[in-house]
Amino acid sequence: MTRDGQTSGEPDIEIGAAVRARKLRFRRKPKTKVEFEGRTRVRTDDGIEDVEIDSDSGSERRNLPEEVEPGVTYRNVEVGWAARARVVMPERLEGEEEENDE
């Protein structure tokens, strides 16, 4: 998926975590932030090329609001989180791969 939520193919790498709790209480409002950025290099028949990374992350929650309140006890909580990244190949390479698949 891209940062705007559009699917652009299967991710090259995906990591995630899941947690369950019978009771969960926060002393203060948590500060969370996830950022991805970067480039990498790939070897092609023409040499080594710089390519961009397309990435996103997201979570699914059960019995836990997006913004939690300090001092509130949340019960039977489940949270799943995943981060995905995909190498964005230059258009000319993608075109060559499609020709080879035919």
Protein backbone atom coordinates (compact mmCIF):
# COMPACT_ATOMS: atom_id res chain seq x y z
CA MET A 1 0.00 0.00 0.00
CA THR A 2 1.10 3.55 -0.54
CA ARG A 3 1.00 6.31 2.03
CA ASP A 4 -2.35 7.45 0.63
CA GLY A 5 -3.79 3.95 1.12
CA GLN A 6 -3.69 2.85 -2.53
CA THR A 7 -2.45 -0.66 -3.19
CA SER A 8 0.57 -0.75 -5.49
CA GLY A 9 1.35 -4.47 -5.30
CA GLU A 10 2.43 -6.90 -2.65
CA PRO A 11 5.00 -5.55 -0.17
CA ASP A 12 8.59 -6.73 -0.44
CA ILE A 13 8.78 -6.77 3.36
CA GLU A 14 6.18 -6.65 6.10
CA ILE A 15 6.63 -6.70 9.85
CA GLY A 16 3.98 -6.65 12.51
CA ALA A 17 3.02 -7.23 16.10
CA ALA A 18 -0.12 -8.18 17.98
CA VAL A 19 -1.02 -7.78 21.63
CA ARG A 20 -3.95 -8.69 23.88
CA ALA A 21 -4.75 -7.47 27.36
CA ARG A 22 -7.57 -8.20 29.81
CA LYS A 23 -7.18 -4.75 31.36
CA LEU A 24 -5.21 -1.75 30.16
CA ARG A 25 -4.90 1.71 31.73
CA PHE A 26 -2.72 4.63 30.69
CA ARG A 27 -1.30 7.04 33.28
CA ARG A 28 -0.96 9.73 30.61
CA LYS A 29 -1.85 10.13 26.99
CA PRO A 30 0.80 8.31 24.90
CA LYS A 31 2.77 10.13 22.21
CA THR A 32 3.12 7.95 19.14
CA LYS A 33 4.65 8.59 15.76
CA VAL A 34 5.71 6.30 12.93
CA GLU A 35 7.70 7.57 9.94
CA PHE A 36 9.23 5.81 6.99
CA GLU A 37 11.48 7.22 4.37
CA GLY A 38 14.37 6.05 2.37
CA ARG A 39 15.95 4.80 -0.76
CA THR A 40 17.89 1.71 -1.60
CA ARG A 41 19.99 0.42 -4.46
CA VAL A 42 19.34 -2.58 -6.68
CA ARG A 43 21.56 -4.41 -9.11
CA THR A 44 20.25 -4.62 -12.68
CA ASP A 45 21.76 -5.77 -15.97
CA ASP A 46 22.73 -2.13 -16.56
CA GLY A 47 24.47 -1.70 -13.19
CA ILE A 48 23.42 -0.51 -9.76
CA GLU A 49 20.49 1.90 -9.59
CA ASP A 50 18.93 4.00 -6.83
CA VAL A 51 15.25 3.20 -6.25
CA GLU A 52 12.61 4.63 -3.92
CA ILE A 53 10.83 2.82 -1.11
CA ASP A 54 7.02 2.97 -0.92
CA SER A 55 5.87 2.29 2.64
CA ASP A 56 3.02 2.61 5.11
CA SER A 57 1.85 1.32 8.47
CA GLY A 58 -1.46 0.80 10.17
CA SER A 59 -3.18 -0.72 13.15
CA GLU A 60 -6.42 -2.49 13.95
CA ARG A 61 -7.90 -2.18 17.43
CA ARG A 62 -10.62 -3.91 19.39
CA ASN A 63 -12.05 -2.26 22.51
CA LEU A 64 -9.48 0.53 22.33
CA PRO A 65 -10.20 3.94 20.77
CA GLU A 66 -7.73 5.71 18.47
CA GLU A 67 -7.15 8.30 21.20
CA VAL A 68 -7.02 6.79 24.67
CA GLU A 69 -7.83 8.72 27.84
CA PRO A 70 -5.60 8.69 30.93
CA GLY A 71 -7.11 6.92 33.93
CA VAL A 72 -9.69 4.96 31.90
CA THR A 73 -9.53 1.17 32.18
CA TYR A 74 -10.01 -0.55 28.83
CA ARG A 75 -10.99 -4.22 28.96
CA ASN A 76 -10.41 -7.15 26.58
CA VAL A 77 -8.16 -5.09 24.33
CA GLU A 78 -6.54 -6.34 21.12
CA VAL A 79 -4.20 -4.35 18.91
CA GLY A 80 -2.54 -5.45 15.68
CA TRP A 81 0.07 -3.29 13.93
CA ALA A 82 1.90 -3.77 10.64
CA ALA A 83 4.45 -1.87 8.56
CA ARG A 84 4.92 -2.63 4.88
CA ALA A 85 7.54 -1.54 2.35
CA ARG A 86 7.94 -2.07 -1.37
CA VAL A 87 10.77 -1.14 -3.72
CA VAL A 88 9.52 1.12 -6.52
CA MET A 89 11.36 0.07 -9.64
CA PRO A 90 12.00 2.63 -12.39
CA GLU A 91 9.32 2.46 -15.12
CA ARG A 92 11.71 1.23 -17.78
CA LEU A 93 12.64 -1.78 -15.60
CA GLU A 94 8.99 -2.60 -14.87
CA GLY A 95 8.26 -2.50 -18.62
CA GLU A 96 11.13 -4.90 -19.33
CA GLU A 97 9.89 -7.33 -16.65
CA GLU A 98 6.39 -7.36 -18.15
CA GLU A 99 7.83 -8.12 -21.62
CA ASN A 100 9.85 -11.02 -20.18
CA ASP A 101 6.73 -12.48 -18.51
CA GLU A 102 4.88 -12.79 -21.84
